[in-house]
Amino acid sequence: MLDLTDCSLCRFTLDGWPSRARAAATLIDSVKYRSSAERSRLAAKVEERTRHVAGHDLMMSTQQLVEMSRAGVEIGAHTVTHPILRELPDDSARNEIAAGRVQLETLTGRRVALFAYPNGRFGRDYDQRHMRMVEELGFDAAVSTDRGVARARSHRFGLPRFGPWQESPSRLLLRMLREFFREEAPQ
């Protein structure tokens, strides 16, 4: 049992992987639109109550990132603290975008040309102001998490995409075709 009701969250039963996955998804959805400080405070509460220390390199280590860059993988910027850009003053949003890029360029020794908006939903997480900032900062393009396939008429600082999380190559191909023929959402 994970009780976070005193943090204005829920009580979760953790009796196996499915319930843990549901709890994780619910927690992520519940905290991602909070401030960076509040997200950190809640993460500390979860660590304390589950007696699990998540660590600092949750996705990949700095060494792995550098190795991937040296192997030719294009590394894109994503801000420093993963804020919702629309909730920040413009100068703070610009600093998050620029500083994230500087960190990656310092680590990899390479120019970072691409940007991905945190959470990435146009109109909810970022807007036209942030697209202009990314362009003014000299990025070549930026991706959103708005579902779709980039087309010739897509704005290069708000490219749609979808995750390749399929169980087989044939299912991925079918998903790609479905996305390609799906009607584009207006932006």
N, C-alpha and C. Protein backbone atom coordinates (compact mmCIF):
# COMPACT_ATOMS: atom_id res chain seq x y z
N MET A 1 0.86 -1.19 0.00
CA MET A 1 0.00 0.00 0.00
C MET A 1 0.89 1.24 0.00
N LEU A 2 0.53 2.18 -0.84
CA LEU A 2 1.21 3.47 -0.88
C LEU A 2 0.15 4.54 -0.66
N ASP A 3 0.19 5.16 0.50
CA ASP A 3 -0.81 6.16 0.87
C ASP A 3 -0.21 7.56 0.71
N LEU A 4 -0.72 8.30 -0.25
CA LEU A 4 -0.27 9.68 -0.49
C LEU A 4 -1.43 10.66 -0.33
N THR A 5 -2.44 10.26 0.44
CA THR A 5 -3.61 11.13 0.61
C THR A 5 -3.24 12.42 1.34
N ASP A 6 -2.23 12.39 2.21
CA ASP A 6 -1.81 13.61 2.89
C ASP A 6 -1.09 14.57 1.95
N CYS A 7 -0.78 14.13 0.74
CA CYS A 7 -0.13 14.97 -0.28
C CYS A 7 -1.14 15.38 -1.36
N SER A 8 -2.41 15.23 -1.05
CA SER A 8 -3.49 15.52 -2.02
C SER A 8 -3.43 14.59 -3.22
N LEU A 9 -2.95 13.39 -3.01
CA LEU A 9 -2.93 12.38 -4.06
C LEU A 9 -3.78 11.21 -3.60
N CYS A 10 -3.54 10.04 -4.13
CA CYS A 10 -4.38 8.86 -3.85
C CYS A 10 -3.68 7.87 -2.94
N ARG A 11 -4.44 6.83 -2.62
CA ARG A 11 -3.91 5.65 -1.94
C ARG A 11 -3.86 4.55 -3.00
N PHE A 12 -2.71 3.89 -3.10
CA PHE A 12 -2.51 2.88 -4.14
C PHE A 12 -2.24 1.53 -3.51
N THR A 13 -2.84 0.50 -4.06
CA THR A 13 -2.52 -0.88 -3.70
C THR A 13 -1.43 -1.33 -4.66
N LEU A 14 -0.34 -1.83 -4.12
CA LEU A 14 0.81 -2.24 -4.94
C LEU A 14 1.03 -3.74 -4.77
N ASP A 15 0.15 -4.54 -5.37
CA ASP A 15 0.22 -5.99 -5.16
C ASP A 15 0.71 -6.75 -6.39
N GLY A 16 1.38 -6.08 -7.27
CA GLY A 16 1.93 -6.74 -8.46
C GLY A 16 2.27 -5.70 -9.52
N TRP A 17 2.88 -6.17 -10.60
CA TRP A 17 3.30 -5.23 -11.64
C TRP A 17 2.15 -4.45 -12.26
N PRO A 18 1.01 -5.04 -12.56
CA PRO A 18 -0.09 -4.24 -13.14
C PRO A 18 -0.52 -3.09 -12.22
N SER A 19 -0.66 -3.36 -10.92
CA SER A 19 -1.09 -2.29 -10.01
C SER A 19 0.01 -1.25 -9.84
N ARG A 20 1.25 -1.68 -9.88
CA ARG A 20 2.36 -0.72 -9.79
C ARG A 20 2.41 0.16 -11.03
N ALA A 21 2.18 -0.42 -12.20
CA ALA A 21 2.18 0.35 -13.44
C ALA A 21 1.04 1.37 -13.44
N ARG A 22 -0.15 0.95 -12.97
CA ARG A 22 -1.28 1.88 -12.88
C ARG A 22 -0.96 3.02 -11.90
N ALA A 23 -0.35 2.68 -10.77
CA ALA A 23 0.01 3.70 -9.78
C ALA A 23 1.01 4.68 -10.37
N ALA A 24 2.01 4.16 -11.08
CA ALA A 24 3.02 5.04 -11.69
C ALA A 24 2.37 5.97 -12.70
N ALA A 25 1.50 5.44 -13.56
CA ALA A 25 0.84 6.27 -14.57
C ALA A 25 -0.03 7.34 -13.92
N THR A 26 -0.74 6.97 -12.87
CA THR A 26 -1.60 7.92 -12.17
C THR A 26 -0.76 9.01 -11.51
N LEU A 27 0.33 8.61 -10.86
CA LEU A 27 1.21 9.59 -10.21
C LEU A 27 1.82 10.55 -11.22
N ILE A 28 2.29 10.03 -12.33
CA ILE A 28 2.89 10.89 -13.35
C ILE A 28 1.86 11.90 -13.84
N ASP A 29 0.67 11.43 -14.17
CA ASP A 29 -0.38 12.36 -14.63
C ASP A 29 -0.75 13.37 -13.55
N SER A 30 -0.67 12.98 -12.29
CA SER A 30 -1.06 13.87 -11.20
C SER A 30 -0.02 14.93 -10.89
N VAL A 31 1.24 14.67 -11.19
CA VAL A 31 2.28 15.62 -10.77
C VAL A 31 2.96 16.37 -11.91
N LYS A 32 2.80 15.94 -13.15
CA LYS A 32 3.59 16.56 -14.22
C LYS A 32 3.24 18.02 -14.48
N TYR A 33 2.08 18.48 -14.08
CA TYR A 33 1.73 19.88 -14.28
C TYR A 33 1.95 20.72 -13.03
N ARG A 34 2.69 20.18 -12.10
CA ARG A 34 3.06 20.95 -10.90
C ARG A 34 4.44 21.55 -11.09
N SER A 35 4.80 22.45 -10.22
CA SER A 35 6.12 23.09 -10.32
C SER A 35 7.23 22.07 -10.11
N SER A 36 8.41 22.42 -10.56
CA SER A 36 9.56 21.54 -10.41
C SER A 36 9.81 21.22 -8.94
N ALA A 37 9.70 22.22 -8.08
CA ALA A 37 9.92 22.02 -6.65
C ALA A 37 8.87 21.07 -6.07
N GLU A 38 7.62 21.24 -6.49
CA GLU A 38 6.55 20.36 -5.99
C GLU A 38 6.73 18.94 -6.51
N ARG A 39 7.14 18.78 -7.77
CA ARG A 39 7.39 17.44 -8.31
C ARG A 39 8.50 16.76 -7.51
N SER A 40 9.56 17.50 -7.21
CA SER A 40 10.67 16.93 -6.44
C SER A 40 10.23 16.53 -5.04
N ARG A 41 9.42 17.38 -4.40
CA ARG A 41 8.92 17.08 -3.05
C ARG A 41 8.08 15.80 -3.07
N LEU A 42 7.20 15.67 -4.05
CA LEU A 42 6.36 14.48 -4.13
C LEU A 42 7.17 13.23 -4.47
N ALA A 43 8.17 13.37 -5.32
CA ALA A 43 9.03 12.22 -5.64
C ALA A 43 9.76 11.76 -4.38
N ALA A 44 10.22 12.70 -3.57
CA ALA A 44 10.89 12.35 -2.31
C ALA A 44 9.94 11.61 -1.37
N LYS A 45 8.67 12.03 -1.34
CA LYS A 45 7.68 11.34 -0.50
C LYS A 45 7.48 9.90 -0.97
N VAL A 46 7.38 9.71 -2.29
CA VAL A 46 7.20 8.37 -2.83
C VAL A 46 8.42 7.51 -2.50
N GLU A 47 9.62 8.06 -2.69
CA GLU A 47 10.85 7.31 -2.35
C GLU A 47 10.86 6.93 -0.88
N GLU A 48 10.52 7.87 -0.03
CA GLU A 48 10.52 7.62 1.42
C GLU A 48 9.52 6.53 1.79
N ARG A 49 8.33 6.59 1.24
CA ARG A 49 7.28 5.65 1.63
C ARG A 49 7.41 4.29 0.97
N THR A 50 8.10 4.21 -0.14
CA THR A 50 8.31 2.91 -0.78
C THR A 50 9.68 2.34 -0.43
N ARG A 51 10.48 3.14 0.29
CA ARG A 51 11.84 2.76 0.67
C ARG A 51 12.68 2.41 -0.57
N HIS A 52 12.44 3.18 -1.62
CA HIS A 52 13.17 2.98 -2.88
C HIS A 52 13.79 4.31 -3.29
N VAL A 53 15.09 4.31 -3.53
CA VAL A 53 15.77 5.50 -4.00
C VAL A 53 15.89 5.40 -5.51
N ALA A 54 15.28 6.35 -6.22
CA ALA A 54 15.23 6.30 -7.68
C ALA A 54 16.57 6.60 -8.33
N GLY A 55 17.37 7.42 -7.73
CA GLY A 55 18.65 7.78 -8.35
C GLY A 55 18.49 9.00 -9.24
N HIS A 56 19.60 9.45 -9.77
CA HIS A 56 19.59 10.68 -10.57
C HIS A 56 19.57 10.42 -12.07
N ASP A 57 19.99 9.27 -12.51
CA ASP A 57 20.02 8.95 -13.93
C ASP A 57 18.90 7.97 -14.25
N LEU A 58 17.66 8.47 -14.21
CA LEU A 58 16.51 7.60 -14.37
C LEU A 58 16.37 7.04 -15.78
N MET A 59 16.68 7.82 -16.77
CA MET A 59 16.50 7.36 -18.14
C MET A 59 17.79 6.73 -18.68
N MET A 60 18.87 7.44 -18.55
CA MET A 60 20.18 6.91 -18.94
C MET A 60 21.24 7.72 -18.20
N SER A 61 22.38 7.15 -18.08
CA SER A 61 23.46 7.85 -17.38
C SER A 61 24.11 8.85 -18.33
N THR A 62 24.85 9.77 -17.75
CA THR A 62 25.61 10.73 -18.56
C THR A 62 26.58 9.98 -19.46
N GLN A 63 27.21 8.95 -18.94
CA GLN A 63 28.15 8.17 -19.74
C GLN A 63 27.45 7.52 -20.94
N GLN A 64 26.26 6.98 -20.73
CA GLN A 64 25.51 6.37 -21.83
C GLN A 64 25.16 7.42 -22.89
N LEU A 65 24.76 8.61 -22.45
CA LEU A 65 24.43 9.68 -23.37
C LEU A 65 25.64 10.05 -24.22
N VAL A 66 26.78 10.21 -23.59
CA VAL A 66 28.01 10.55 -24.31
C VAL A 66 28.39 9.43 -25.28
N GLU A 67 28.30 8.19 -24.84
CA GLU A 67 28.62 7.06 -25.72
C GLU A 67 27.70 7.01 -26.93
N MET A 68 26.42 7.27 -26.71
CA MET A 68 25.48 7.28 -27.83
C MET A 68 25.82 8.39 -28.82
N SER A 69 26.16 9.55 -28.30
CA SER A 69 26.53 10.66 -29.18
C SER A 69 27.78 10.31 -29.98
N ARG A 70 28.77 9.73 -29.33
CA ARG A 70 30.01 9.33 -30.04
C ARG A 70 29.74 8.27 -31.09
N ALA A 71 28.70 7.46 -30.88
CA ALA A 71 28.35 6.41 -31.84
C ALA A 71 27.52 6.95 -33.00
N GLY A 72 27.22 8.26 -32.96
CA GLY A 72 26.51 8.87 -34.07
C GLY A 72 25.03 9.11 -33.85
N VAL A 73 24.51 8.84 -32.66
CA VAL A 73 23.11 9.08 -32.37
C VAL A 73 22.90 10.58 -32.16
N GLU A 74 21.90 11.13 -32.84
CA GLU A 74 21.58 12.56 -32.70
C GLU A 74 20.93 12.77 -31.33
N ILE A 75 21.48 13.67 -30.54
CA ILE A 75 20.96 13.99 -29.22
C ILE A 75 20.20 15.31 -29.32
N GLY A 76 18.96 15.33 -28.85
CA GLY A 76 18.16 16.55 -28.89
C GLY A 76 17.94 17.12 -27.50
N ALA A 77 17.73 18.42 -27.43
CA ALA A 77 17.53 19.12 -26.16
C ALA A 77 16.08 18.99 -25.69
N HIS A 78 15.90 19.18 -24.36
CA HIS A 78 14.58 18.98 -23.77
C HIS A 78 14.37 19.84 -22.52
N THR A 79 15.12 20.88 -22.32
CA THR A 79 15.14 21.77 -21.14
C THR A 79 15.99 21.16 -20.03
N VAL A 80 16.09 21.89 -18.93
CA VAL A 80 16.89 21.43 -17.79
C VAL A 80 16.03 20.68 -16.78
N THR A 81 14.89 21.24 -16.40
CA THR A 81 14.07 20.66 -15.33
C THR A 81 12.72 20.13 -15.79
N HIS A 82 12.50 20.04 -17.10
CA HIS A 82 11.26 19.49 -17.67
C HIS A 82 10.01 20.25 -17.22
N PRO A 83 10.04 21.59 -17.29
CA PRO A 83 8.85 22.35 -16.88
C PRO A 83 7.81 22.38 -17.99
N ILE A 84 6.60 22.73 -17.62
CA ILE A 84 5.57 23.03 -18.60
C ILE A 84 5.85 24.47 -19.03
N LEU A 85 6.31 24.65 -20.25
CA LEU A 85 6.77 25.95 -20.70
C LEU A 85 5.69 27.02 -20.62
N ARG A 86 4.44 26.67 -20.88
CA ARG A 86 3.35 27.66 -20.83
C ARG A 86 3.13 28.21 -19.44
N GLU A 87 3.62 27.52 -18.43
CA GLU A 87 3.40 27.98 -17.06
C GLU A 87 4.56 28.83 -16.54
N LEU A 88 5.56 29.03 -17.39
CA LEU A 88 6.72 29.84 -16.99
C LEU A 88 6.66 31.22 -17.61
N PRO A 89 7.25 32.21 -16.94
CA PRO A 89 7.45 33.50 -17.61
C PRO A 89 8.36 33.28 -18.83
N ASP A 90 8.22 34.10 -19.83
CA ASP A 90 8.98 33.92 -21.06
C ASP A 90 10.48 33.83 -20.85
N ASP A 91 11.03 34.68 -19.98
CA ASP A 91 12.49 34.64 -19.78
C ASP A 91 12.93 33.33 -19.14
N SER A 92 12.12 32.78 -18.23
CA SER A 92 12.45 31.49 -17.61
C SER A 92 12.35 30.35 -18.63
N ALA A 93 11.33 30.40 -19.48
CA ALA A 93 11.18 29.37 -20.51
C ALA A 93 12.38 29.40 -21.46
N ARG A 94 12.76 30.58 -21.90
CA ARG A 94 13.91 30.72 -22.80
C ARG A 94 15.18 30.19 -22.13
N ASN A 95 15.37 30.50 -20.86
CA ASN A 95 16.56 30.02 -20.13
C ASN A 95 16.55 28.49 -20.02
N GLU A 96 15.41 27.89 -19.74
CA GLU A 96 15.30 26.42 -19.65
C GLU A 96 15.71 25.78 -20.98
N ILE A 97 15.18 26.34 -22.08
CA ILE A 97 15.47 25.79 -23.40
C ILE A 97 16.95 25.95 -23.73
N ALA A 98 17.48 27.15 -23.53
CA ALA A 98 18.88 27.42 -23.87
C ALA A 98 19.85 26.65 -22.98
N ALA A 99 19.59 26.62 -21.67
CA ALA A 99 20.51 25.95 -20.74
C ALA A 99 20.54 24.44 -20.96
N GLY A 100 19.39 23.85 -21.30
CA GLY A 100 19.37 22.42 -21.60
C GLY A 100 20.27 22.09 -22.78
N ARG A 101 20.21 22.95 -23.79
CA ARG A 101 21.05 22.76 -24.97
C ARG A 101 22.53 22.90 -24.62
N VAL A 102 22.87 23.92 -23.85
CA VAL A 102 24.27 24.15 -23.46
C VAL A 102 24.81 22.94 -22.69
N GLN A 103 24.02 22.41 -21.77
CA GLN A 103 24.46 21.23 -21.01
C GLN A 103 24.81 20.07 -21.94
N LEU A 104 23.92 19.80 -22.90
CA LEU A 104 24.15 18.68 -23.81
C LEU A 104 25.34 18.93 -24.73
N GLU A 105 25.48 20.15 -25.22
CA GLU A 105 26.61 20.46 -26.10
C GLU A 105 27.93 20.36 -25.34
N THR A 106 27.91 20.74 -24.06
CA THR A 106 29.11 20.62 -23.23
C THR A 106 29.47 19.15 -23.02
N LEU A 107 28.47 18.32 -22.77
CA LEU A 107 28.72 16.89 -22.55
C LEU A 107 29.19 16.17 -23.82
N THR A 108 28.55 16.48 -24.93
CA THR A 108 28.82 15.72 -26.16
C THR A 108 29.89 16.34 -27.04
N GLY A 109 30.12 17.63 -26.87
CA GLY A 109 31.07 18.31 -27.75
C GLY A 109 30.51 18.51 -29.16
N ARG A 110 29.21 18.38 -29.32
CA ARG A 110 28.55 18.51 -30.62
C ARG A 110 27.42 19.53 -30.54
N ARG A 111 27.11 20.12 -31.68
CA ARG A 111 25.97 21.03 -31.77
C ARG A 111 24.68 20.22 -31.59
N VAL A 112 23.76 20.76 -30.79
CA VAL A 112 22.46 20.15 -30.60
C VAL A 112 21.48 20.92 -31.48
N ALA A 113 20.94 20.25 -32.49
CA ALA A 113 20.12 20.91 -33.51
C ALA A 113 18.62 20.77 -33.28
N LEU A 114 18.21 19.79 -32.49
CA LEU A 114 16.79 19.48 -32.35
C LEU A 114 16.31 19.68 -30.92
N PHE A 115 15.03 19.98 -30.78
CA PHE A 115 14.43 20.22 -29.47
C PHE A 115 13.12 19.44 -29.36
N ALA A 116 12.82 18.93 -28.16
CA ALA A 116 11.55 18.26 -27.88
C ALA A 116 10.89 18.99 -26.71
N TYR A 117 9.65 19.43 -26.90
CA TYR A 117 8.94 20.16 -25.86
C TYR A 117 8.57 19.23 -24.70
N PRO A 118 8.85 19.62 -23.45
CA PRO A 118 8.44 18.80 -22.31
C PRO A 118 6.93 18.56 -22.32
N ASN A 119 6.54 17.34 -22.17
CA ASN A 119 5.16 16.86 -22.26
C ASN A 119 4.63 17.04 -23.67
N GLY A 120 4.94 18.13 -24.33
CA GLY A 120 4.82 18.29 -25.76
C GLY A 120 3.48 18.47 -26.42
N ARG A 121 2.45 18.83 -25.68
CA ARG A 121 1.15 19.02 -26.32
C ARG A 121 0.93 20.50 -26.64
N PHE A 122 0.79 20.80 -27.93
CA PHE A 122 0.59 22.18 -28.36
C PHE A 122 -0.68 22.74 -27.74
N GLY A 123 -0.59 23.96 -27.22
CA GLY A 123 -1.74 24.61 -26.61
C GLY A 123 -1.89 24.30 -25.13
N ARG A 124 -1.37 23.19 -24.70
CA ARG A 124 -1.44 22.83 -23.28
C ARG A 124 -0.08 22.98 -22.61
N ASP A 125 0.97 22.51 -23.27
CA ASP A 125 2.31 22.51 -22.68
C ASP A 125 3.22 23.59 -23.26
N TYR A 126 2.98 23.95 -24.49
CA TYR A 126 3.76 25.00 -25.15
C TYR A 126 2.86 25.67 -26.18
N ASP A 127 3.29 26.83 -26.67
CA ASP A 127 2.50 27.54 -27.67
C ASP A 127 3.42 28.24 -28.67
N GLN A 128 2.86 29.12 -29.47
CA GLN A 128 3.60 29.81 -30.52
C GLN A 128 4.82 30.58 -29.97
N ARG A 129 4.70 31.14 -28.76
CA ARG A 129 5.83 31.86 -28.18
C ARG A 129 7.04 30.95 -28.04
N HIS A 130 6.81 29.74 -27.59
CA HIS A 130 7.91 28.80 -27.36
C HIS A 130 8.48 28.30 -28.69
N MET A 131 7.62 28.16 -29.68
CA MET A 131 8.11 27.78 -31.01
C MET A 131 9.05 28.87 -31.55
N ARG A 132 8.68 30.14 -31.34
CA ARG A 132 9.55 31.26 -31.77
C ARG A 132 10.87 31.24 -30.99
N MET A 133 10.80 30.98 -29.68
CA MET A 133 12.01 30.94 -28.86
C MET A 133 12.98 29.88 -29.39
N VAL A 134 12.45 28.69 -29.65
CA VAL A 134 13.28 27.59 -30.14
C VAL A 134 13.92 27.97 -31.46
N GLU A 135 13.15 28.59 -32.33
CA GLU A 135 13.70 29.04 -33.62
C GLU A 135 14.75 30.12 -33.41
N GLU A 136 14.46 31.12 -32.58
CA GLU A 136 15.40 32.22 -32.32
C GLU A 136 16.69 31.74 -31.67
N LEU A 137 16.61 30.66 -30.90
CA LEU A 137 17.80 30.10 -30.26
C LEU A 137 18.65 29.28 -31.24
N GLY A 138 18.18 29.15 -32.47
CA GLY A 138 18.99 28.52 -33.50
C GLY A 138 18.82 27.02 -33.69
N PHE A 139 17.77 26.45 -33.12
CA PHE A 139 17.52 25.04 -33.37
C PHE A 139 17.05 24.88 -34.82
N ASP A 140 17.23 23.70 -35.38
CA ASP A 140 16.79 23.42 -36.74
C ASP A 140 15.32 23.02 -36.80
N ALA A 141 14.83 22.36 -35.75
CA ALA A 141 13.45 21.88 -35.71
C ALA A 141 13.12 21.47 -34.28
N ALA A 142 11.82 21.25 -34.04
CA ALA A 142 11.37 20.79 -32.72
C ALA A 142 10.19 19.84 -32.88
N VAL A 143 10.12 18.87 -31.98
CA VAL A 143 9.04 17.88 -32.01
C VAL A 143 8.12 18.05 -30.81
N SER A 144 6.86 17.73 -31.06
CA SER A 144 5.84 17.74 -30.02
C SER A 144 5.51 16.29 -29.68
N THR A 145 4.52 16.10 -28.83
CA THR A 145 3.99 14.75 -28.62
C THR A 145 2.60 14.66 -29.23
N ASP A 146 2.23 15.67 -30.03
CA ASP A 146 0.97 15.60 -30.74
C ASP A 146 1.07 14.46 -31.75
N ARG A 147 0.11 13.57 -31.71
CA ARG A 147 0.14 12.37 -32.52
C ARG A 147 0.03 12.71 -34.00
N GLY A 148 0.86 12.07 -34.79
CA GLY A 148 0.76 12.27 -36.23
C GLY A 148 2.08 12.00 -36.92
N VAL A 149 2.05 12.25 -38.21
CA VAL A 149 3.21 12.07 -39.08
C VAL A 149 3.59 13.43 -39.62
N ALA A 150 4.86 13.78 -39.58
CA ALA A 150 5.30 15.05 -40.14
C ALA A 150 5.15 15.02 -41.65
N ARG A 151 4.63 16.11 -42.18
CA ARG A 151 4.41 16.23 -43.62
C ARG A 151 5.13 17.49 -44.10
N ALA A 152 5.17 17.69 -45.40
CA ALA A 152 5.85 18.86 -45.97
C ALA A 152 5.26 20.16 -45.42
N ARG A 153 3.97 20.20 -45.12
CA ARG A 153 3.34 21.43 -44.62
C ARG A 153 3.40 21.55 -43.09
N SER A 154 3.95 20.57 -42.41
CA SER A 154 4.07 20.65 -40.95
C SER A 154 5.03 21.76 -40.56
N HIS A 155 4.72 22.45 -39.48
CA HIS A 155 5.62 23.51 -38.98
C HIS A 155 6.86 22.84 -38.40
N ARG A 156 8.03 23.26 -38.83
CA ARG A 156 9.24 22.56 -38.38
C ARG A 156 9.57 22.77 -36.91
N PHE A 157 8.88 23.69 -36.23
CA PHE A 157 9.09 23.86 -34.80
C PHE A 157 7.89 23.36 -33.99
N GLY A 158 7.12 22.45 -34.60
CA GLY A 158 6.00 21.80 -33.93
C GLY A 158 5.65 20.50 -34.62
N LEU A 159 6.67 19.71 -34.94
CA LEU A 159 6.45 18.47 -35.68
C LEU A 159 5.72 17.43 -34.83
N PRO A 160 4.67 16.80 -35.39
CA PRO A 160 3.99 15.73 -34.67
C PRO A 160 4.81 14.45 -34.73
N ARG A 161 4.49 13.51 -33.88
CA ARG A 161 5.18 12.21 -33.91
C ARG A 161 4.36 11.19 -33.12
N PHE A 162 4.80 9.97 -33.17
CA PHE A 162 4.18 8.93 -32.35
C PHE A 162 5.27 7.94 -31.99
N GLY A 163 5.07 7.25 -30.88
CA GLY A 163 6.07 6.30 -30.39
C GLY A 163 6.02 4.98 -31.14
N PRO A 164 7.17 4.36 -31.35
CA PRO A 164 7.23 3.08 -32.06
C PRO A 164 7.08 1.88 -31.13
N TRP A 165 6.17 1.97 -30.18
CA TRP A 165 6.05 0.93 -29.17
C TRP A 165 5.10 -0.17 -29.64
N GLN A 166 5.54 -0.98 -30.54
CA GLN A 166 4.74 -2.09 -31.03
C GLN A 166 5.49 -3.39 -30.75
N GLU A 167 4.76 -4.48 -30.73
CA GLU A 167 5.34 -5.77 -30.36
C GLU A 167 6.04 -6.46 -31.51
N SER A 168 5.75 -6.05 -32.74
CA SER A 168 6.39 -6.70 -33.88
C SER A 168 6.58 -5.69 -35.00
N PRO A 169 7.51 -5.97 -35.91
CA PRO A 169 7.72 -5.05 -37.04
C PRO A 169 6.46 -4.87 -37.89
N SER A 170 5.69 -5.92 -38.07
CA SER A 170 4.48 -5.79 -38.90
C SER A 170 3.45 -4.90 -38.21
N ARG A 171 3.31 -5.00 -36.89
CA ARG A 171 2.37 -4.12 -36.18
C ARG A 171 2.85 -2.68 -36.22
N LEU A 172 4.17 -2.46 -36.15
CA LEU A 172 4.71 -1.11 -36.26
C LEU A 172 4.42 -0.55 -37.66
N LEU A 173 4.61 -1.35 -38.69
CA LEU A 173 4.33 -0.90 -40.05
C LEU A 173 2.85 -0.52 -40.20
N LEU A 174 1.96 -1.34 -39.67
CA LEU A 174 0.53 -1.02 -39.73
C LEU A 174 0.22 0.29 -39.00
N ARG A 175 0.85 0.48 -37.85
CA ARG A 175 0.65 1.73 -37.10
C ARG A 175 1.16 2.92 -37.88
N MET A 176 2.32 2.77 -38.53
CA MET A 176 2.88 3.86 -39.33
C MET A 176 1.93 4.22 -40.47
N LEU A 177 1.39 3.21 -41.13
CA LEU A 177 0.45 3.46 -42.23
C LEU A 177 -0.82 4.14 -41.72
N ARG A 178 -1.33 3.66 -40.59
CA ARG A 178 -2.54 4.26 -40.02
C ARG A 178 -2.28 5.73 -39.68
N GLU A 179 -1.14 6.03 -39.09
CA GLU A 179 -0.80 7.41 -38.75
C GLU A 179 -0.64 8.26 -40.00
N PHE A 180 -0.04 7.69 -41.03
CA PHE A 180 0.19 8.43 -42.26
C PHE A 180 -1.15 8.84 -42.90
N PHE A 181 -2.11 7.94 -42.88
CA PHE A 181 -3.39 8.21 -43.54
C PHE A 181 -4.42 8.89 -42.62
N ARG A 182 -4.06 9.01 -41.35
CA ARG A 182 -4.96 9.69 -40.41
C ARG A 182 -4.99 11.18 -40.76
N GLU A 183 -6.14 11.79 -40.61
CA GLU A 183 -6.26 13.21 -40.93
C GLU A 183 -5.46 14.03 -39.93
N GLU A 184 -4.76 15.03 -40.44
CA GLU A 184 -3.92 15.87 -39.62
C GLU A 184 -4.76 16.79 -38.75
N ALA A 185 -4.36 16.94 -37.49
CA ALA A 185 -5.04 17.88 -36.59
C ALA A 185 -4.57 19.30 -36.93
N PRO A 186 -5.47 20.26 -36.95
CA PRO A 186 -5.04 21.65 -37.25
C PRO A 186 -4.18 22.20 -36.13
N GLN A 187 -3.26 23.08 -36.50
CA GLN A 187 -2.40 23.71 -35.49
C GLN A 187 -2.34 25.19 -35.70
